[in-house]
Structures are given as structure tokens and as C-alpha cells.
Amino acid sequence: MNRYGFLLKVKQDRIEEYKARHREVWPEMLDALRRTGWHNYSLFMAPDGLLFGYFETPGSLEDAVEAMSKEEVNARWQAEMAPFFENIGGKHADEGLVKLEQVFFLE
């Protein structure tokens, strides 16, 4: 299993709504994530909206994102969530991830 971390930035004025949306992620979105190999997926947010995401998958981060891009529910979710983010240049959040390099792992 491969581990991936990424960053995004939630707009300051959208933080509370972003959190609320993630307390009620659509069941079909959760099913699509599981089906396409996203395991132990977690999101963490700093008070300023800096968002750290982590997940594990059998393949690459790019493969996992590509698999989700083929899911109809992902297109709807990404379109609804895009306005929450800074500096993604009009893309969907899953296209604007800043991939982090893993530098240590305690097994």
C-alpha cells in the first residue's frame, strides 16, 4: 500500500461550510472512493484553512485521482467543492493537489 499526502487551501470565509459538507459526504461519493482504492483517507485543517489530506492506495496518487475522475459522482462533488479553494486556477480540487514527498515513516 502506498501512502500519499497533499495540500490545498480552503478560503477563510468558507472554512465552516467546508467542514459541514464533510460531516455529510454523500454515501455514493464514499462508495466511489472505496471502490477506486482510497483507503484511510483523512483530511486535517489548520485555522487558516490550510488543508492536509492523507490516503493510502495500491497504486500511484495519479492512478487514484484518475480512477475517481471516471466516477460520475466525483464530477458533481468536485464541481460543488471547487469554489471553496484558493489557488487552484479554475480547476477542480483533485486537479490542484500539491503532492507532498514522504520523508519518514515509522512502521
PDB file of N, CA and C in Angstrom:
ATOM      1  N   MET A   1       0.854  -1.178   0.000  1.00  0.00           N
ATOM      2  CA  MET A   1       0.000   0.000   0.000  1.00  0.00           C
ATOM      3  C   MET A   1       0.898   1.239   0.000  1.00  0.00           C
ATOM      4  N   ASN A   2       0.580   2.184  -0.850  1.00  0.00           N
ATOM      5  CA  ASN A   2       1.328   3.439  -0.945  1.00  0.00           C
ATOM      6  C   ASN A   2       0.589   4.530  -0.168  1.00  0.00           C
ATOM      7  N   ARG A   3       1.344   5.404   0.483  1.00  0.00           N
ATOM      8  CA  ARG A   3       0.789   6.494   1.276  1.00  0.00           C
ATOM      9  C   ARG A   3       1.044   7.822   0.567  1.00  0.00           C
ATOM     10  N   TYR A   4       0.024   8.692   0.558  1.00  0.00           N
ATOM     11  CA  TYR A   4       0.155   9.988  -0.106  1.00  0.00           C
ATOM     12  C   TYR A   4      -0.394  11.093   0.786  1.00  0.00           C
ATOM     13  N   GLY A   5       0.320  12.198   0.791  1.00  0.00           N
ATOM     14  CA  GLY A   5      -0.138  13.401   1.463  1.00  0.00           C
ATOM     15  C   GLY A   5      -0.217  14.524   0.451  1.00  0.00           C
ATOM     16  N   PHE A   6      -1.150  15.429   0.661  1.00  0.00           N
ATOM     17  CA  PHE A   6      -1.305  16.562  -0.255  1.00  0.00           C
ATOM     18  C   PHE A   6      -1.827  17.768   0.507  1.00  0.00           C
ATOM     19  N   LEU A   7      -1.649  18.928  -0.103  1.00  0.00           N
ATOM     20  CA  LEU A   7      -2.125  20.186   0.464  1.00  0.00           C
ATOM     21  C   LEU A   7      -3.104  20.874  -0.474  1.00  0.00           C
ATOM     22  N   LEU A   8      -4.037  21.576   0.115  1.00  0.00           N
ATOM     23  CA  LEU A   8      -4.933  22.501  -0.563  1.00  0.00           C
ATOM     24  C   LEU A   8      -5.182  23.646   0.420  1.00  0.00           C
ATOM     25  N   LYS A   9      -5.768  24.723  -0.050  1.00  0.00           N
ATOM     26  CA  LYS A   9      -6.076  25.846   0.840  1.00  0.00           C
ATOM     27  C   LYS A   9      -7.540  26.216   0.684  1.00  0.00           C
ATOM     28  N   VAL A  10      -8.279  26.091   1.785  1.00  0.00           N
ATOM     29  CA  VAL A  10      -9.698  26.460   1.817  1.00  0.00           C
ATOM     30  C   VAL A  10      -9.785  27.962   2.095  1.00  0.00           C
ATOM     31  N   LYS A  11     -10.653  28.629   1.374  1.00  0.00           N
ATOM     32  CA  LYS A  11     -10.864  30.060   1.583  1.00  0.00           C
ATOM     33  C   LYS A  11     -11.347  30.300   3.014  1.00  0.00           C
ATOM     34  N   GLN A  12     -10.782  31.317   3.636  1.00  0.00           N
ATOM     35  CA  GLN A  12     -11.075  31.632   5.041  1.00  0.00           C
ATOM     36  C   GLN A  12     -12.577  31.739   5.304  1.00  0.00           C
ATOM     37  N   ASP A  13     -13.299  32.390   4.410  1.00  0.00           N
ATOM     38  CA  ASP A  13     -14.734  32.600   4.635  1.00  0.00           C
ATOM     39  C   ASP A  13     -15.586  31.371   4.316  1.00  0.00           C
ATOM     40  N   ARG A  14     -14.962  30.273   3.895  1.00  0.00           N
ATOM     41  CA  ARG A  14     -15.702  29.055   3.550  1.00  0.00           C
ATOM     42  C   ARG A  14     -15.359  27.881   4.470  1.00  0.00           C
ATOM     43  N   ILE A  15     -14.485  28.116   5.466  1.00  0.00           N
ATOM     44  CA  ILE A  15     -13.995  27.019   6.314  1.00  0.00           C
ATOM     45  C   ILE A  15     -15.124  26.280   7.024  1.00  0.00           C
ATOM     46  N   GLU A  16     -16.004  26.981   7.676  1.00  0.00           N
ATOM     47  CA  GLU A  16     -17.065  26.306   8.445  1.00  0.00           C
ATOM     48  C   GLU A  16     -17.998  25.513   7.529  1.00  0.00           C
ATOM     49  N   GLU A  17     -18.339  26.078   6.382  1.00  0.00           N
ATOM     50  CA  GLU A  17     -19.195  25.349   5.441  1.00  0.00           C
ATOM     51  C   GLU A  17     -18.472  24.123   4.889  1.00  0.00           C
ATOM     52  N   TYR A  18     -17.162  24.252   4.624  1.00  0.00           N
ATOM     53  CA  TYR A  18     -16.368  23.121   4.147  1.00  0.00           C
ATOM     54  C   TYR A  18     -16.416  21.983   5.172  1.00  0.00           C
ATOM     55  N   LYS A  19     -16.217  22.320   6.442  1.00  0.00           N
ATOM     56  CA  LYS A  19     -16.278  21.306   7.492  1.00  0.00           C
ATOM     57  C   LYS A  19     -17.659  20.655   7.545  1.00  0.00           C
ATOM     58  N   ALA A  20     -18.697  21.475   7.443  1.00  0.00           N
ATOM     59  CA  ALA A  20     -20.067  20.951   7.490  1.00  0.00           C
ATOM     60  C   ALA A  20     -20.324  19.992   6.329  1.00  0.00           C
ATOM     61  N   ARG A  21     -19.871  20.346   5.144  1.00  0.00           N
ATOM     62  CA  ARG A  21     -20.056  19.461   3.980  1.00  0.00           C
ATOM     63  C   ARG A  21     -19.381  18.113   4.200  1.00  0.00           C
ATOM     64  N   HIS A  22     -18.241  18.125   4.889  1.00  0.00           N
ATOM     65  CA  HIS A  22     -17.507  16.872   5.099  1.00  0.00           C
ATOM     66  C   HIS A  22     -18.041  16.051   6.271  1.00  0.00           C
ATOM     67  N   ARG A  23     -18.934  16.618   7.035  1.00  0.00           N
ATOM     68  CA  ARG A  23     -19.638  15.817   8.044  1.00  0.00           C
ATOM     69  C   ARG A  23     -20.764  15.026   7.390  1.00  0.00           C
ATOM     70  N   GLU A  24     -21.104  15.399   6.148  1.00  0.00           N
ATOM     71  CA  GLU A  24     -22.211  14.749   5.442  1.00  0.00           C
ATOM     72  C   GLU A  24     -21.836  14.419   4.003  1.00  0.00           C
ATOM     73  N   VAL A  25     -20.689  13.781   3.825  1.00  0.00           N
ATOM     74  CA  VAL A  25     -20.269  13.382   2.471  1.00  0.00           C
ATOM     75  C   VAL A  25     -21.304  12.398   1.933  1.00  0.00           C
ATOM     76  N   TRP A  26     -21.666  12.593   0.671  1.00  0.00           N
ATOM     77  CA  TRP A  26     -22.676  11.740   0.045  1.00  0.00           C
ATOM     78  C   TRP A  26     -22.263  10.269   0.102  1.00  0.00           C
ATOM     79  N   PRO A  27     -23.188   9.389   0.458  1.00  0.00           N
ATOM     80  CA  PRO A  27     -22.866   7.956   0.509  1.00  0.00           C
ATOM     81  C   PRO A  27     -22.300   7.425  -0.809  1.00  0.00           C
ATOM     82  N   GLU A  28     -22.819   7.901  -1.946  1.00  0.00           N
ATOM     83  CA  GLU A  28     -22.315   7.419  -3.234  1.00  0.00           C
ATOM     84  C   GLU A  28     -20.887   7.901  -3.496  1.00  0.00           C
ATOM     85  N   MET A  29     -20.516   9.041  -2.913  1.00  0.00           N
ATOM     86  CA  MET A  29     -19.134   9.519  -3.025  1.00  0.00           C
ATOM     87  C   MET A  29     -18.214   8.638  -2.187  1.00  0.00           C
ATOM     88  N   LEU A  30     -18.645   8.316  -0.986  1.00  0.00           N
ATOM     89  CA  LEU A  30     -17.858   7.416  -0.129  1.00  0.00           C
ATOM     90  C   LEU A  30     -17.671   6.055  -0.802  1.00  0.00           C
ATOM     91  N   ASP A  31     -18.737   5.545  -1.410  1.00  0.00           N
ATOM     92  CA  ASP A  31     -18.645   4.257  -2.119  1.00  0.00           C
ATOM     93  C   ASP A  31     -17.649   4.339  -3.273  1.00  0.00           C
ATOM     94  N   ALA A  32     -17.677   5.432  -4.023  1.00  0.00           N
ATOM     95  CA  ALA A  32     -16.760   5.596  -5.160  1.00  0.00           C
ATOM     96  C   ALA A  32     -15.311   5.662  -4.679  1.00  0.00           C
ATOM     97  N   LEU A  33     -15.062   6.369  -3.595  1.00  0.00           N
ATOM     98  CA  LEU A  33     -13.703   6.441  -3.054  1.00  0.00           C
ATOM     99  C   LEU A  33     -13.203   5.049  -2.668  1.00  0.00           C
ATOM    100  N   ARG A  34     -14.026   4.302  -1.973  1.00  0.00           N
ATOM    101  CA  ARG A  34     -13.633   2.942  -1.574  1.00  0.00           C
ATOM    102  C   ARG A  34     -13.400   2.066  -2.805  1.00  0.00           C
ATOM    103  N   ARG A  35     -14.306   2.137  -3.754  1.00  0.00           N
ATOM    104  CA  ARG A  35     -14.243   1.305  -4.964  1.00  0.00           C
ATOM    105  C   ARG A  35     -12.983   1.590  -5.785  1.00  0.00           C
ATOM    106  N   THR A  36     -12.507   2.839  -5.756  1.00  0.00           N
ATOM    107  CA  THR A  36     -11.356   3.214  -6.575  1.00  0.00           C
ATOM    108  C   THR A  36     -10.043   3.183  -5.798  1.00  0.00           C
ATOM    109  N   GLY A  37     -10.072   2.595  -4.603  1.00  0.00           N
ATOM    110  CA  GLY A  37      -8.830   2.322  -3.895  1.00  0.00           C
ATOM    111  C   GLY A  37      -8.335   3.378  -2.930  1.00  0.00           C
ATOM    112  N   TRP A  38      -9.198   4.272  -2.475  1.00  0.00           N
ATOM    113  CA  TRP A  38      -8.804   5.290  -1.487  1.00  0.00           C
ATOM    114  C   TRP A  38      -9.067   4.709  -0.096  1.00  0.00           C
ATOM    115  N   HIS A  39      -8.001   4.426   0.636  1.00  0.00           N
ATOM    116  CA  HIS A  39      -8.109   3.830   1.972  1.00  0.00           C
ATOM    117  C   HIS A  39      -7.510   4.772   3.009  1.00  0.00           C
ATOM    118  N   ASN A  40      -8.061   4.709   4.220  1.00  0.00           N
ATOM    119  CA  ASN A  40      -7.582   5.545   5.332  1.00  0.00           C
ATOM    120  C   ASN A  40      -7.493   7.021   4.934  1.00  0.00           C
ATOM    121  N   TYR A  41      -8.457   7.465   4.154  1.00  0.00           N
ATOM    122  CA  TYR A  41      -8.480   8.843   3.664  1.00  0.00           C
ATOM    123  C   TYR A  41      -8.862   9.775   4.815  1.00  0.00           C
ATOM    124  N   SER A  42      -8.022  10.754   5.075  1.00  0.00           N
ATOM    125  CA  SER A  42      -8.251  11.714   6.148  1.00  0.00           C
ATOM    126  C   SER A  42      -7.931  13.116   5.667  1.00  0.00           C
ATOM    127  N   LEU A  43      -8.651  14.087   6.224  1.00  0.00           N
ATOM    128  CA  LEU A  43      -8.378  15.497   5.963  1.00  0.00           C
ATOM    129  C   LEU A  43      -8.163  16.198   7.302  1.00  0.00           C
ATOM    130  N   PHE A  44      -7.159  17.060   7.359  1.00  0.00           N
ATOM    131  CA  PHE A  44      -6.842  17.840   8.539  1.00  0.00           C
ATOM    132  C   PHE A  44      -6.731  19.299   8.116  1.00  0.00           C
ATOM    133  N   MET A  45      -7.262  20.219   8.953  1.00  0.00           N
ATOM    134  CA  MET A  45      -7.239  21.622   8.565  1.00  0.00           C
ATOM    135  C   MET A  45      -6.687  22.508   9.686  1.00  0.00           C
ATOM    136  N   ALA A  46      -5.817  23.423   9.297  1.00  0.00           N
ATOM    137  CA  ALA A  46      -5.310  24.449  10.207  1.00  0.00           C
ATOM    138  C   ALA A  46      -6.334  25.579  10.293  1.00  0.00           C
ATOM    139  N   PRO A  47      -6.267  26.404  11.335  1.00  0.00           N
ATOM    140  CA  PRO A  47      -7.221  27.509  11.485  1.00  0.00           C
ATOM    141  C   PRO A  47      -7.261  28.468  10.297  1.00  0.00           C
ATOM    142  N   ASP A  48      -6.172  28.573   9.542  1.00  0.00           N
ATOM    143  CA  ASP A  48      -6.152  29.492   8.394  1.00  0.00           C
ATOM    144  C   ASP A  48      -6.682  28.861   7.113  1.00  0.00           C
ATOM    145  N   GLY A  49      -7.140  27.604   7.181  1.00  0.00           N
ATOM    146  CA  GLY A  49      -7.698  26.935   6.003  1.00  0.00           C
ATOM    147  C   GLY A  49      -6.728  26.035   5.265  1.00  0.00           C
ATOM    148  N   LEU A  50      -5.466  25.980   5.709  1.00  0.00           N
ATOM    149  CA  LEU A  50      -4.524  25.062   5.081  1.00  0.00           C
ATOM    150  C   LEU A  50      -5.006  23.640   5.347  1.00  0.00           C
ATOM    151  N   LEU A  51      -5.195  22.893   4.282  1.00  0.00           N
ATOM    152  CA  LEU A  51      -5.775  21.558   4.361  1.00  0.00           C
ATOM    153  C   LEU A  51      -4.720  20.523   3.996  1.00  0.00           C
ATOM    154  N   PHE A  52      -4.519  19.558   4.883  1.00  0.00           N
ATOM    155  CA  PHE A  52      -3.628  18.433   4.629  1.00  0.00           C
ATOM    156  C   PHE A  52      -4.484  17.199   4.452  1.00  0.00           C
ATOM    157  N   GLY A  53      -4.303  16.509   3.326  1.00  0.00           N
ATOM    158  CA  GLY A  53      -5.013  15.270   3.068  1.00  0.00           C
ATOM    159  C   GLY A  53      -4.051  14.108   3.045  1.00  0.00           C
ATOM    160  N   TYR A  54      -4.530  12.953   3.474  1.00  0.00           N
ATOM    161  CA  TYR A  54      -3.720  11.743   3.510  1.00  0.00           C
ATOM    162  C   TYR A  54      -4.602  10.573   3.092  1.00  0.00           C
ATOM    163  N   PHE A  55      -4.046   9.681   2.279  1.00  0.00           N
ATOM    164  CA  PHE A  55      -4.736   8.427   1.984  1.00  0.00           C
ATOM    165  C   PHE A  55      -3.722   7.377   1.555  1.00  0.00           C
ATOM    166  N   GLU A  56      -4.181   6.142   1.562  1.00  0.00           N
ATOM    167  CA  GLU A  56      -3.375   5.014   1.118  1.00  0.00           C
ATOM    168  C   GLU A  56      -4.088   4.372  -0.060  1.00  0.00           C
ATOM    169  N   THR A  57      -3.302   3.869  -0.998  1.00  0.00           N
ATOM    170  CA  THR A  57      -3.863   3.237  -2.192  1.00  0.00           C
ATOM    171  C   THR A  57      -2.848   2.246  -2.757  1.00  0.00           C
ATOM    172  N   PRO A  58      -3.304   1.225  -3.460  1.00  0.00           N
ATOM    173  CA  PRO A  58      -2.359   0.256  -4.016  1.00  0.00           C
ATOM    174  C   PRO A  58      -1.473   0.837  -5.119  1.00  0.00           C
ATOM    175  N   GLY A  59      -1.945   1.811  -5.848  1.00  0.00           N
ATOM    176  CA  GLY A  59      -1.194   2.376  -6.971  1.00  0.00           C
ATOM    177  C   GLY A  59      -0.632   3.747  -6.648  1.00  0.00           C
ATOM    178  N   SER A  60      -0.523   4.560  -7.680  1.00  0.00           N
ATOM    179  CA  SER A  60       0.002   5.911  -7.520  1.00  0.00           C
ATOM    180  C   SER A  60      -1.131   6.884  -7.175  1.00  0.00           C
ATOM    181  N   LEU A  61      -0.747   8.055  -6.687  1.00  0.00           N
ATOM    182  CA  LEU A  61      -1.713   9.111  -6.442  1.00  0.00           C
ATOM    183  C   LEU A  61      -2.427   9.457  -7.742  1.00  0.00           C
ATOM    184  N   GLU A  62      -1.656   9.538  -8.807  1.00  0.00           N
ATOM    185  CA  GLU A  62      -2.229   9.873 -10.121  1.00  0.00           C
ATOM    186  C   GLU A  62      -3.244   8.823 -10.570  1.00  0.00           C
ATOM    187  N   ASP A  63      -2.953   7.550 -10.325  1.00  0.00           N
ATOM    188  CA  ASP A  63      -3.896   6.477 -10.683  1.00  0.00           C
ATOM    189  C   ASP A  63      -5.185   6.592  -9.875  1.00  0.00           C
ATOM    190  N   ALA A  64      -5.047   6.912  -8.584  1.00  0.00           N
ATOM    191  CA  ALA A  64      -6.224   7.045  -7.732  1.00  0.00           C
ATOM    192  C   ALA A  64      -7.097   8.216  -8.170  1.00  0.00           C
ATOM    193  N   VAL A  65      -6.464   9.336  -8.483  1.00  0.00           N
ATOM    194  CA  VAL A  65      -7.204  10.508  -8.961  1.00  0.00           C
ATOM    195  C   VAL A  65      -7.870  10.196 -10.300  1.00  0.00           C
ATOM    196  N   GLU A  66      -7.142   9.536 -11.180  1.00  0.00           N
ATOM    197  CA  GLU A  66      -7.692   9.165 -12.495  1.00  0.00           C
ATOM    198  C   GLU A  66      -8.899   8.240 -12.341  1.00  0.00           C
ATOM    199  N   ALA A  67      -8.808   7.259 -11.453  1.00  0.00           N
ATOM    200  CA  ALA A  67      -9.931   6.341 -11.239  1.00  0.00           C
ATOM    201  C   ALA A  67     -11.156   7.103 -10.750  1.00  0.00           C
ATOM    202  N   MET A  68     -10.956   8.039  -9.834  1.00  0.00           N
ATOM    203  CA  MET A  68     -12.089   8.824  -9.349  1.00  0.00           C
ATOM    204  C   MET A  68     -12.644   9.740 -10.432  1.00  0.00           C
ATOM    205  N   SER A  69     -11.808  10.206 -11.335  1.00  0.00           N
ATOM    206  CA  SER A  69     -12.283  11.104 -12.391  1.00  0.00           C
ATOM    207  C   SER A  69     -13.289  10.423 -13.315  1.00  0.00           C
ATOM    208  N   LYS A  70     -13.315   9.115 -13.306  1.00  0.00           N
ATOM    209  CA  LYS A  70     -14.253   8.356 -14.143  1.00  0.00           C
ATOM    210  C   LYS A  70     -15.592   8.118 -13.451  1.00  0.00           C
ATOM    211  N   GLU A  71     -15.680   8.524 -12.209  1.00  0.00           N
ATOM    212  CA  GLU A  71     -16.913   8.344 -11.432  1.00  0.00           C
ATOM    213  C   GLU A  71     -17.808   9.570 -11.589  1.00  0.00           C
ATOM    214  N   GLU A  72     -19.037   9.371 -12.006  1.00  0.00           N
ATOM    215  CA  GLU A  72     -19.976  10.474 -12.221  1.00  0.00           C
ATOM    216  C   GLU A  72     -20.174  11.298 -10.954  1.00  0.00           C
ATOM    217  N   VAL A  73     -20.260  10.638  -9.812  1.00  0.00           N
ATOM    218  CA  VAL A  73     -20.474  11.343  -8.557  1.00  0.00           C
ATOM    219  C   VAL A  73     -19.293  12.264  -8.238  1.00  0.00           C
ATOM    220  N   ASN A  74     -18.105  11.886  -8.635  1.00  0.00           N
ATOM    221  CA  ASN A  74     -16.938  12.721  -8.386  1.00  0.00           C
ATOM    222  C   ASN A  74     -17.027  14.044  -9.151  1.00  0.00           C
ATOM    223  N   ALA A  75     -17.510  13.991 -10.367  1.00  0.00           N
ATOM    224  CA  ALA A  75     -17.667  15.221 -11.153  1.00  0.00           C
ATOM    225  C   ALA A  75     -18.611  16.189 -10.441  1.00  0.00           C
ATOM    226  N   ARG A  76     -19.709  15.671  -9.916  1.00  0.00           N
ATOM    227  CA  ARG A  76     -20.668  16.524  -9.190  1.00  0.00           C
ATOM    228  C   ARG A  76     -20.057  17.076  -7.901  1.00  0.00           C
ATOM    229  N   TRP A  77     -19.371  16.205  -7.145  1.00  0.00           N
ATOM    230  CA  TRP A  77     -18.757  16.635  -5.884  1.00  0.00           C
ATOM    231  C   TRP A  77     -17.685  17.691  -6.143  1.00  0.00           C
ATOM    232  N   GLN A  78     -16.814  17.441  -7.115  1.00  0.00           N
ATOM    233  CA  GLN A  78     -15.732  18.383  -7.406  1.00  0.00           C
ATOM    234  C   GLN A  78     -16.277  19.734  -7.855  1.00  0.00           C
ATOM    235  N   ALA A  79     -17.326  19.722  -8.659  1.00  0.00           N
ATOM    236  CA  ALA A  79     -17.925  20.983  -9.119  1.00  0.00           C
ATOM    237  C   ALA A  79     -18.489  21.773  -7.938  1.00  0.00           C
ATOM    238  N   GLU A  80     -19.115  21.091  -6.994  1.00  0.00           N
ATOM    239  CA  GLU A  80     -19.667  21.786  -5.833  1.00  0.00           C
ATOM    240  C   GLU A  80     -18.580  22.294  -4.895  1.00  0.00           C
ATOM    241  N   MET A  81     -17.453  21.573  -4.811  1.00  0.00           N
ATOM    242  CA  MET A  81     -16.410  21.926  -3.851  1.00  0.00           C
ATOM    243  C   MET A  81     -15.385  22.917  -4.404  1.00  0.00           C
ATOM    244  N   ALA A  82     -15.251  23.047  -5.702  1.00  0.00           N
ATOM    245  CA  ALA A  82     -14.230  23.919  -6.296  1.00  0.00           C
ATOM    246  C   ALA A  82     -14.259  25.347  -5.744  1.00  0.00           C
ATOM    247  N   PRO A  83     -15.416  25.961  -5.526  1.00  0.00           N
ATOM    248  CA  PRO A  83     -15.425  27.336  -5.026  1.00  0.00           C
ATOM    249  C   PRO A  83     -14.870  27.504  -3.611  1.00  0.00           C
ATOM    250  N   PHE A  84     -14.641  26.419  -2.900  1.00  0.00           N
ATOM    251  CA  PHE A  84     -14.127  26.505  -1.537  1.00  0.00           C
ATOM    252  C   PHE A  84     -12.618  26.749  -1.487  1.00  0.00           C
ATOM    253  N   PHE A  85     -11.914  26.535  -2.601  1.00  0.00           N
ATOM    254  CA  PHE A  85     -10.454  26.512  -2.573  1.00  0.00           C
ATOM    255  C   PHE A  85      -9.800  27.736  -3.186  1.00  0.00           C
ATOM    256  N   GLU A  86      -8.643  28.093  -2.625  1.00  0.00           N
ATOM    257  CA  GLU A  86      -7.784  29.146  -3.166  1.00  0.00           C
ATOM    258  C   GLU A  86      -6.750  28.515  -4.098  1.00  0.00           C
ATOM    259  N   ASN A  87      -6.315  29.275  -5.062  1.00  0.00           N
ATOM    260  CA  ASN A  87      -5.138  28.945  -5.880  1.00  0.00           C
ATOM    261  C   ASN A  87      -5.202  27.614  -6.624  1.00  0.00           C
ATOM    262  N   ILE A  88      -6.391  27.269  -7.125  1.00  0.00           N
ATOM    263  CA  ILE A  88      -6.450  26.060  -7.947  1.00  0.00           C
ATOM    264  C   ILE A  88      -6.705  26.404  -9.417  1.00  0.00           C
ATOM    265  N   GLY A  89      -6.676  27.678  -9.727  1.00  0.00           N
ATOM    266  CA  GLY A  89      -6.729  28.129 -11.108  1.00  0.00           C
ATOM    267  C   GLY A  89      -7.924  27.669 -11.911  1.00  0.00           C
ATOM    268  N   GLY A  90      -9.089  27.641 -11.294  1.00  0.00           N
ATOM    269  CA  GLY A  90     -10.290  27.244 -12.008  1.00  0.00           C
ATOM    270  C   GLY A  90     -10.443  25.746 -12.175  1.00  0.00           C
ATOM    271  N   LYS A  91      -9.508  24.985 -11.648  1.00  0.00           N
ATOM    272  CA  LYS A  91      -9.579  23.519 -11.730  1.00  0.00           C
ATOM    273  C   LYS A  91     -10.436  22.982 -10.591  1.00  0.00           C
ATOM    274  N   HIS A  92     -10.716  21.697 -10.678  1.00  0.00           N
ATOM    275  CA  HIS A  92     -11.309  21.017  -9.537  1.00  0.00           C
ATOM    276  C   HIS A  92     -10.197  20.744  -8.533  1.00  0.00           C
ATOM    277  N   ALA A  93     -10.569  20.610  -7.269  1.00  0.00           N
ATOM    278  CA  ALA A  93      -9.577  20.411  -6.211  1.00  0.00           C
ATOM    279  C   ALA A  93      -8.690  19.204  -6.480  1.00  0.00           C
ATOM    280  N   ASP A  94      -9.263  18.122  -7.007  1.00  0.00           N
ATOM    281  CA  ASP A  94      -8.452  16.925  -7.238  1.00  0.00           C
ATOM    282  C   ASP A  94      -7.433  17.111  -8.362  1.00  0.00           C
ATOM    283  N   GLU A  95      -7.552  18.206  -9.101  1.00  0.00           N
ATOM    284  CA  GLU A  95      -6.568  18.534 -10.136  1.00  0.00           C
ATOM    285  C   GLU A  95      -5.534  19.540  -9.629  1.00  0.00           C
ATOM    286  N   GLY A  96      -5.796  20.131  -8.471  1.00  0.00           N
ATOM    287  CA  GLY A  96      -4.921  21.166  -7.944  1.00  0.00           C
ATOM    288  C   GLY A  96      -4.172  20.756  -6.688  1.00  0.00           C
ATOM    289  N   LEU A  97      -4.141  19.455  -6.416  1.00  0.00           N
ATOM    290  CA  LEU A  97      -3.452  18.970  -5.219  1.00  0.00           C
ATOM    291  C   LEU A  97      -1.962  19.271  -5.293  1.00  0.00           C
ATOM    292  N   VAL A  98      -1.404  19.711  -4.180  1.00  0.00           N
ATOM    293  CA  VAL A  98       0.045  19.847  -4.073  1.00  0.00           C
ATOM    294  C   VAL A  98       0.531  18.574  -3.391  1.00  0.00           C
ATOM    295  N   LYS A  99       1.136  17.705  -4.173  1.00  0.00           N
ATOM    296  CA  LYS A  99       1.603  16.415  -3.663  1.00  0.00           C
ATOM    297  C   LYS A  99       2.822  16.633  -2.777  1.00  0.00           C
ATOM    298  N   LEU A 100       2.810  15.990  -1.613  1.00  0.00           N
ATOM    299  CA  LEU A 100       3.917  16.093  -0.669  1.00  0.00           C
ATOM    300  C   LEU A 100       4.805  14.860  -0.764  1.00  0.00           C
ATOM    301  N   GLU A 101       6.087  15.061  -0.579  1.00  0.00           N
ATOM    302  CA  GLU A 101       7.038  13.959  -0.580  1.00  0.00           C
ATOM    303  C   GLU A 101       7.093  13.343   0.816  1.00  0.00           C
ATOM    304  N   GLN A 102       6.958  12.034   0.885  1.00  0.00           N
ATOM    305  CA  GLN A 102       7.114  11.350   2.172  1.00  0.00           C
ATOM    306  C   GLN A 102       8.595  11.291   2.502  1.00  0.00           C
ATOM    307  N   VAL A 103       8.963  11.778   3.677  1.00  0.00           N
ATOM    308  CA  VAL A 103      10.362  11.768   4.074  1.00  0.00           C
ATOM    309  C   VAL A 103      10.634  10.853   5.267  1.00  0.00           C
ATOM    310  N   PHE A 104       9.584  10.360   5.917  1.00  0.00           N
ATOM    311  CA  PHE A 104       9.784   9.444   7.026  1.00  0.00           C
ATOM    312  C   PHE A 104       8.488   8.667   7.265  1.00  0.00           C
ATOM    313  N   PHE A 105       8.641   7.422   7.664  1.00  0.00           N
ATOM    314  CA  PHE A 105       7.507   6.575   8.031  1.00  0.00           C
ATOM    315  C   PHE A 105       7.961   5.622   9.118  1.00  0.00           C
ATOM    316  N   LEU A 106       7.291   5.654  10.270  1.00  0.00           N
ATOM    317  CA  LEU A 106       7.595   4.740  11.371  1.00  0.00           C
ATOM    318  C   LEU A 106       6.681   3.542  11.226  1.00  0.00           C
ATOM    319  N   GLU A 107       7.250   2.420  10.892  1.00  0.00           N
ATOM    320  CA  GLU A 107       6.459   1.208  10.722  1.00  0.00           C
ATOM    321  C   GLU A 107       6.160   0.559  12.030  1.00  0.00           C
TER     322      GLU A 107
END
